[in-house]
Amino acid sequence: MIIQCESCSKKLKVSDSAAGKKAKCPRCESVIVIESADSEASGPVDRAGKSAPARLKRSSGSDGTRAAS
């Protein structure tokens, strides 16, 4: 599946088995949580009617909470 970093918008190709795991974006090095393919299916849709790439969620700490923006 194709995902997109919320911080720098880099698109990444990851395997379905990576869902739910944490990773580091190779461009901006943000810690991210890879969403499952199921959550991608209910995500945003682009103008052509195709699902937009899933966005990666940043994780600010080891407790899984996100920092306020």
PDB file of N, CA and C in Angstrom:
ATOM      1  N   MET A   1       0.841  -1.170   0.000  1.00  0.00           N
ATOM      2  CA  MET A   1       0.000   0.000   0.000  1.00  0.00           C
ATOM      3  C   MET A   1       0.889   1.236   0.000  1.00  0.00           C
ATOM      4  N   ILE A   2       0.328   2.350  -0.461  1.00  0.00           N
ATOM      5  CA  ILE A   2       1.048   3.617  -0.507  1.00  0.00           C
ATOM      6  C   ILE A   2       0.547   4.479   0.647  1.00  0.00           C
ATOM      7  N   ILE A   3       1.487   5.041   1.409  1.00  0.00           N
ATOM      8  CA  ILE A   3       1.149   5.919   2.519  1.00  0.00           C
ATOM      9  C   ILE A   3       1.878   7.241   2.341  1.00  0.00           C
ATOM     10  N   GLN A   4       1.481   8.250   3.104  1.00  0.00           N
ATOM     11  CA  GLN A   4       2.084   9.570   2.978  1.00  0.00           C
ATOM     12  C   GLN A   4       2.375  10.139   4.357  1.00  0.00           C
ATOM     13  N   CYS A   5       3.570  10.662   4.545  1.00  0.00           N
ATOM     14  CA  CYS A   5       3.983  11.258   5.813  1.00  0.00           C
ATOM     15  C   CYS A   5       3.198  12.548   6.041  1.00  0.00           C
ATOM     16  N   GLU A   6       2.628  12.730   7.248  1.00  0.00           N
ATOM     17  CA  GLU A   6       1.887  13.948   7.568  1.00  0.00           C
ATOM     18  C   GLU A   6       2.801  15.163   7.690  1.00  0.00           C
ATOM     19  N   SER A   7       4.067  14.952   8.010  1.00  0.00           N
ATOM     20  CA  SER A   7       4.981  16.069   8.220  1.00  0.00           C
ATOM     21  C   SER A   7       5.531  16.647   6.925  1.00  0.00           C
ATOM     22  N   CYS A   8       6.018  15.779   6.031  1.00  0.00           N
ATOM     23  CA  CYS A   8       6.689  16.273   4.826  1.00  0.00           C
ATOM     24  C   CYS A   8       5.988  15.856   3.531  1.00  0.00           C
ATOM     25  N   SER A   9       4.925  15.070   3.619  1.00  0.00           N
ATOM     26  CA  SER A   9       4.120  14.613   2.475  1.00  0.00           C
ATOM     27  C   SER A   9       4.834  13.626   1.557  1.00  0.00           C
ATOM     28  N   LYS A  10       5.939  13.048   2.018  1.00  0.00           N
ATOM     29  CA  LYS A  10       6.629  12.033   1.218  1.00  0.00           C
ATOM     30  C   LYS A  10       5.751  10.805   1.103  1.00  0.00           C
ATOM     31  N   LYS A  11       5.599  10.288  -0.117  1.00  0.00           N
ATOM     32  CA  LYS A  11       4.833   9.062  -0.345  1.00  0.00           C
ATOM     33  C   LYS A  11       5.773   7.869  -0.231  1.00  0.00           C
ATOM     34  N   LEU A  12       5.310   6.843   0.488  1.00  0.00           N
ATOM     35  CA  LEU A  12       6.115   5.653   0.732  1.00  0.00           C
ATOM     36  C   LEU A  12       5.316   4.409   0.401  1.00  0.00           C
ATOM     37  N   LYS A  13       5.980   3.404  -0.121  1.00  0.00           N
ATOM     38  CA  LYS A  13       5.345   2.119  -0.395  1.00  0.00           C
ATOM     39  C   LYS A  13       5.719   1.178   0.745  1.00  0.00           C
ATOM     40  N   VAL A  14       4.705   0.638   1.423  1.00  0.00           N
ATOM     41  CA  VAL A  14       4.935  -0.279   2.536  1.00  0.00           C
ATOM     42  C   VAL A  14       4.080  -1.526   2.363  1.00  0.00           C
ATOM     43  N   SER A  15       4.503  -2.612   2.964  1.00  0.00           N
ATOM     44  CA  SER A  15       3.728  -3.848   2.877  1.00  0.00           C
ATOM     45  C   SER A  15       2.538  -3.777   3.827  1.00  0.00           C
ATOM     46  N   ASP A  16       1.503  -4.524   3.528  1.00  0.00           N
ATOM     47  CA  ASP A  16       0.314  -4.560   4.380  1.00  0.00           C
ATOM     48  C   ASP A  16       0.654  -5.039   5.793  1.00  0.00           C
ATOM     49  N   SER A  17       1.683  -5.859   5.921  1.00  0.00           N
ATOM     50  CA  SER A  17       2.059  -6.390   7.235  1.00  0.00           C
ATOM     51  C   SER A  17       2.662  -5.315   8.142  1.00  0.00           C
ATOM     52  N   ALA A  18       2.971  -4.126   7.601  1.00  0.00           N
ATOM     53  CA  ALA A  18       3.540  -3.038   8.395  1.00  0.00           C
ATOM     54  C   ALA A  18       2.458  -2.269   9.159  1.00  0.00           C
ATOM     55  N   ALA A  19       1.190  -2.551   8.892  1.00  0.00           N
ATOM     56  CA  ALA A  19       0.078  -1.840   9.533  1.00  0.00           C
ATOM     57  C   ALA A  19       0.169  -1.952  11.052  1.00  0.00           C
ATOM     58  N   GLY A  20      -0.017  -0.800  11.721  1.00  0.00           N
ATOM     59  CA  GLY A  20       0.018  -0.759  13.176  1.00  0.00           C
ATOM     60  C   GLY A  20       1.407  -0.606  13.759  1.00  0.00           C
ATOM     61  N   LYS A  21       2.428  -0.660  12.926  1.00  0.00           N
ATOM     62  CA  LYS A  21       3.798  -0.542  13.425  1.00  0.00           C
ATOM     63  C   LYS A  21       4.290   0.891  13.317  1.00  0.00           C
ATOM     64  N   LYS A  22       5.323   1.216  14.091  1.00  0.00           N
ATOM     65  CA  LYS A  22       5.951   2.531  14.048  1.00  0.00           C
ATOM     66  C   LYS A  22       7.144   2.470  13.106  1.00  0.00           C
ATOM     67  N   ALA A  23       7.397   3.586  12.443  1.00  0.00           N
ATOM     68  CA  ALA A  23       8.534   3.686  11.535  1.00  0.00           C
ATOM     69  C   ALA A  23       9.049   5.118  11.554  1.00  0.00           C
ATOM     70  N   LYS A  24      10.179   5.352  10.910  1.00  0.00           N
ATOM     71  CA  LYS A  24      10.738   6.678  10.807  1.00  0.00           C
ATOM     72  C   LYS A  24      10.733   7.079   9.335  1.00  0.00           C
ATOM     73  N   CYS A  25      10.206   8.255   9.027  1.00  0.00           N
ATOM     74  CA  CYS A  25      10.173   8.745   7.652  1.00  0.00           C
ATOM     75  C   CYS A  25      11.610   8.939   7.174  1.00  0.00           C
ATOM     76  N   PRO A  26      11.952   8.407   5.989  1.00  0.00           N
ATOM     77  CA  PRO A  26      13.322   8.550   5.498  1.00  0.00           C
ATOM     78  C   PRO A  26      13.685   9.983   5.104  1.00  0.00           C
ATOM     79  N   ARG A  27      12.691  10.831   4.848  1.00  0.00           N
ATOM     80  CA  ARG A  27      12.982  12.213   4.446  1.00  0.00           C
ATOM     81  C   ARG A  27      13.134  13.124   5.659  1.00  0.00           C
ATOM     82  N   CYS A  28      12.119  13.182   6.525  1.00  0.00           N
ATOM     83  CA  CYS A  28      12.133  14.138   7.636  1.00  0.00           C
ATOM     84  C   CYS A  28      12.444  13.492   8.983  1.00  0.00           C
ATOM     85  N   GLU A  29      12.510  12.164   9.017  1.00  0.00           N
ATOM     86  CA  GLU A  29      12.836  11.386  10.205  1.00  0.00           C
ATOM     87  C   GLU A  29      11.794  11.497  11.320  1.00  0.00           C
ATOM     88  N   SER A  30      10.551  11.880  10.983  1.00  0.00           N
ATOM     89  CA  SER A  30       9.475  11.889  11.966  1.00  0.00           C
ATOM     90  C   SER A  30       9.106  10.456  12.322  1.00  0.00           C
ATOM     91  N   VAL A  31       8.807  10.217  13.594  1.00  0.00           N
ATOM     92  CA  VAL A  31       8.322   8.909  14.017  1.00  0.00           C
ATOM     93  C   VAL A  31       6.859   8.841  13.620  1.00  0.00           C
ATOM     94  N   ILE A  32       6.477   7.773  12.938  1.00  0.00           N
ATOM     95  CA  ILE A  32       5.139   7.656  12.391  1.00  0.00           C
ATOM     96  C   ILE A  32       4.521   6.308  12.758  1.00  0.00           C
ATOM     97  N   VAL A  33       3.200   6.247  12.751  1.00  0.00           N
ATOM     98  CA  VAL A  33       2.470   5.000  12.956  1.00  0.00           C
ATOM     99  C   VAL A  33       1.768   4.688  11.644  1.00  0.00           C
ATOM    100  N   ILE A  34       2.013   3.508  11.104  1.00  0.00           N
ATOM    101  CA  ILE A  34       1.426   3.111   9.829  1.00  0.00           C
ATOM    102  C   ILE A  34       0.020   2.583  10.083  1.00  0.00           C
ATOM    103  N   GLU A  35      -0.984   3.226   9.467  1.00  0.00           N
ATOM    104  CA  GLU A  35      -2.367   2.814   9.640  1.00  0.00           C
ATOM    105  C   GLU A  35      -2.644   1.552   8.836  1.00  0.00           C
ATOM    106  N   SER A  36      -3.677   0.813   9.246  1.00  0.00           N
ATOM    107  CA  SER A  36      -4.036  -0.411   8.538  1.00  0.00           C
ATOM    108  C   SER A  36      -4.653  -0.088   7.186  1.00  0.00           C
ATOM    109  N   ALA A  37      -4.630  -1.043   6.279  1.00  0.00           N
ATOM    110  CA  ALA A  37      -5.225  -0.873   4.959  1.00  0.00           C
ATOM    111  C   ALA A  37      -6.722  -0.650   5.077  1.00  0.00           C
ATOM    112  N   ASP A  38      -7.366  -1.199   6.123  1.00  0.00           N
ATOM    113  CA  ASP A  38      -8.797  -1.004   6.336  1.00  0.00           C
ATOM    114  C   ASP A  38      -9.120   0.460   6.584  1.00  0.00           C
ATOM    115  N   SER A  39      -8.296   1.153   7.365  1.00  0.00           N
ATOM    116  CA  SER A  39      -8.556   2.565   7.640  1.00  0.00           C
ATOM    117  C   SER A  39      -8.285   3.404   6.403  1.00  0.00           C
ATOM    118  N   GLU A  40      -7.404   2.928   5.522  1.00  0.00           N
ATOM    119  CA  GLU A  40      -7.126   3.634   4.273  1.00  0.00           C
ATOM    120  C   GLU A  40      -8.352   3.606   3.374  1.00  0.00           C
ATOM    121  N   ALA A  41      -9.091   2.499   3.369  1.00  0.00           N
ATOM    122  CA  ALA A  41     -10.255   2.356   2.504  1.00  0.00           C
ATOM    123  C   ALA A  41     -11.337   3.363   2.857  1.00  0.00           C
ATOM    124  N   SER A  42     -11.416   3.780   4.114  1.00  0.00           N
ATOM    125  CA  SER A  42     -12.428   4.746   4.514  1.00  0.00           C
ATOM    126  C   SER A  42     -11.869   6.160   4.547  1.00  0.00           C
ATOM    127  N   GLY A  43     -10.667   6.345   4.031  1.00  0.00           N
ATOM    128  CA  GLY A  43     -10.008   7.644   4.043  1.00  0.00           C
ATOM    129  C   GLY A  43     -10.510   8.571   2.961  1.00  0.00           C
ATOM    130  N   PRO A  44      -9.818   9.690   2.768  1.00  0.00           N
ATOM    131  CA  PRO A  44     -10.248  10.684   1.792  1.00  0.00           C
ATOM    132  C   PRO A  44     -10.201  10.162   0.365  1.00  0.00           C
ATOM    133  N   VAL A  45     -11.035  10.758  -0.481  1.00  0.00           N
ATOM    134  CA  VAL A  45     -11.091  10.364  -1.888  1.00  0.00           C
ATOM    135  C   VAL A  45     -10.685  11.566  -2.721  1.00  0.00           C
ATOM    136  N   ASP A  46      -9.841  11.355  -3.750  1.00  0.00           N
ATOM    137  CA  ASP A  46      -9.429  12.462  -4.599  1.00  0.00           C
ATOM    138  C   ASP A  46     -10.491  12.754  -5.656  1.00  0.00           C
ATOM    139  N   ARG A  47     -10.257  13.759  -6.493  1.00  0.00           N
ATOM    140  CA  ARG A  47     -11.249  14.186  -7.487  1.00  0.00           C
ATOM    141  C   ARG A  47     -11.563  13.119  -8.521  1.00  0.00           C
ATOM    142  N   ALA A  48     -10.653  12.207  -8.769  1.00  0.00           N
ATOM    143  CA  ALA A  48     -10.880  11.154  -9.758  1.00  0.00           C
ATOM    144  C   ALA A  48     -11.685   9.999  -9.168  1.00  0.00           C
ATOM    145  N   GLY A  49     -12.057  10.089  -7.880  1.00  0.00           N
ATOM    146  CA  GLY A  49     -12.840   9.040  -7.245  1.00  0.00           C
ATOM    147  C   GLY A  49     -11.997   7.925  -6.666  1.00  0.00           C
ATOM    148  N   LYS A  50     -10.682   8.088  -6.687  1.00  0.00           N
ATOM    149  CA  LYS A  50      -9.781   7.082  -6.122  1.00  0.00           C
ATOM    150  C   LYS A  50      -9.457   7.463  -4.689  1.00  0.00           C
ATOM    151  N   SER A  51      -9.174   6.465  -3.859  1.00  0.00           N
ATOM    152  CA  SER A  51      -8.779   6.739  -2.482  1.00  0.00           C
ATOM    153  C   SER A  51      -7.449   7.472  -2.489  1.00  0.00           C
ATOM    154  N   ALA A  52      -7.364   8.516  -1.703  1.00  0.00           N
ATOM    155  CA  ALA A  52      -6.111   9.242  -1.554  1.00  0.00           C
ATOM    156  C   ALA A  52      -5.157   8.389  -0.726  1.00  0.00           C
ATOM    157  N   PRO A  53      -3.842   8.607  -0.861  1.00  0.00           N
ATOM    158  CA  PRO A  53      -2.883   7.826  -0.068  1.00  0.00           C
ATOM    159  C   PRO A  53      -3.133   8.010   1.415  1.00  0.00           C
ATOM    160  N   ALA A  54      -2.950   6.935   2.171  1.00  0.00           N
ATOM    161  CA  ALA A  54      -3.090   7.012   3.627  1.00  0.00           C
ATOM    162  C   ALA A  54      -2.010   7.939   4.158  1.00  0.00           C
ATOM    163  N   ARG A  55      -2.327   8.692   5.180  1.00  0.00           N
ATOM    164  CA  ARG A  55      -1.350   9.590   5.774  1.00  0.00           C
ATOM    165  C   ARG A  55      -0.777   8.940   7.024  1.00  0.00           C
ATOM    166  N   LEU A  56       0.482   9.142   7.236  1.00  0.00           N
ATOM    167  CA  LEU A  56       1.150   8.593   8.406  1.00  0.00           C
ATOM    168  C   LEU A  56       0.902   9.495   9.596  1.00  0.00           C
ATOM    169  N   LYS A  57       0.622   8.898  10.727  1.00  0.00           N
ATOM    170  CA  LYS A  57       0.397   9.671  11.943  1.00  0.00           C
ATOM    171  C   LYS A  57       1.705   9.810  12.698  1.00  0.00           C
ATOM    172  N   ARG A  58       2.008  11.022  13.118  1.00  0.00           N
ATOM    173  CA  ARG A  58       3.207  11.264  13.917  1.00  0.00           C
ATOM    174  C   ARG A  58       2.956  10.835  15.341  1.00  0.00           C
ATOM    175  N   SER A  59       3.941  10.259  15.931  1.00  0.00           N
ATOM    176  CA  SER A  59       3.879   9.876  17.336  1.00  0.00           C
ATOM    177  C   SER A  59       4.918  10.713  18.070  1.00  0.00           C
ATOM    178  N   SER A  60       4.476  11.459  19.085  1.00  0.00           N
ATOM    179  CA  SER A  60       5.396  12.355  19.772  1.00  0.00           C
ATOM    180  C   SER A  60       6.121  11.702  20.929  1.00  0.00           C
ATOM    181  N   GLY A  61       5.629  10.589  21.405  1.00  0.00           N
ATOM    182  CA  GLY A  61       6.282   9.993  22.557  1.00  0.00           C
ATOM    183  C   GLY A  61       6.069   8.500  22.611  1.00  0.00           C
ATOM    184  N   SER A  62       6.714   7.867  23.562  1.00  0.00           N
ATOM    185  CA  SER A  62       6.609   6.412  23.691  1.00  0.00           C
ATOM    186  C   SER A  62       5.246   5.976  24.197  1.00  0.00           C
ATOM    187  N   ASP A  63       4.459   6.925  24.767  1.00  0.00           N
ATOM    188  CA  ASP A  63       3.134   6.577  25.259  1.00  0.00           C
ATOM    189  C   ASP A  63       2.066   6.616  24.176  1.00  0.00           C
ATOM    190  N   GLY A  64       2.472   7.017  22.945  1.00  0.00           N
ATOM    191  CA  GLY A  64       1.560   7.011  21.819  1.00  0.00           C
ATOM    192  C   GLY A  64       0.708   8.260  21.687  1.00  0.00           C
ATOM    193  N   THR A  65       0.940   9.265  22.542  1.00  0.00           N
ATOM    194  CA  THR A  65       0.164  10.491  22.433  1.00  0.00           C
ATOM    195  C   THR A  65       0.757  11.394  21.371  1.00  0.00           C
ATOM    196  N   ARG A  66      -0.093  12.226  20.782  1.00  0.00           N
ATOM    197  CA  ARG A  66       0.365  13.165  19.771  1.00  0.00           C
ATOM    198  C   ARG A  66       0.509  14.543  20.387  1.00  0.00           C
ATOM    199  N   ALA A  67       1.486  15.286  19.924  1.00  0.00           N
ATOM    200  CA  ALA A  67       1.659  16.645  20.396  1.00  0.00           C
ATOM    201  C   ALA A  67       0.620  17.539  19.722  1.00  0.00           C
ATOM    202  N   ALA A  68       0.166  18.559  20.441  1.00  0.00           N
ATOM    203  CA  ALA A  68      -0.807  19.496  19.870  1.00  0.00           C
ATOM    204  C   ALA A  68      -0.119  20.338  18.809  1.00  0.00           C
ATOM    205  N   SER A  69      -0.820  20.633  17.725  1.00  0.00           N
ATOM    206  CA  SER A  69      -0.233  21.450  16.652  1.00  0.00           C
ATOM    207  C   SER A  69      -0.771  22.845  16.688  1.00  0.00           C
TER     208      SER A  69
END
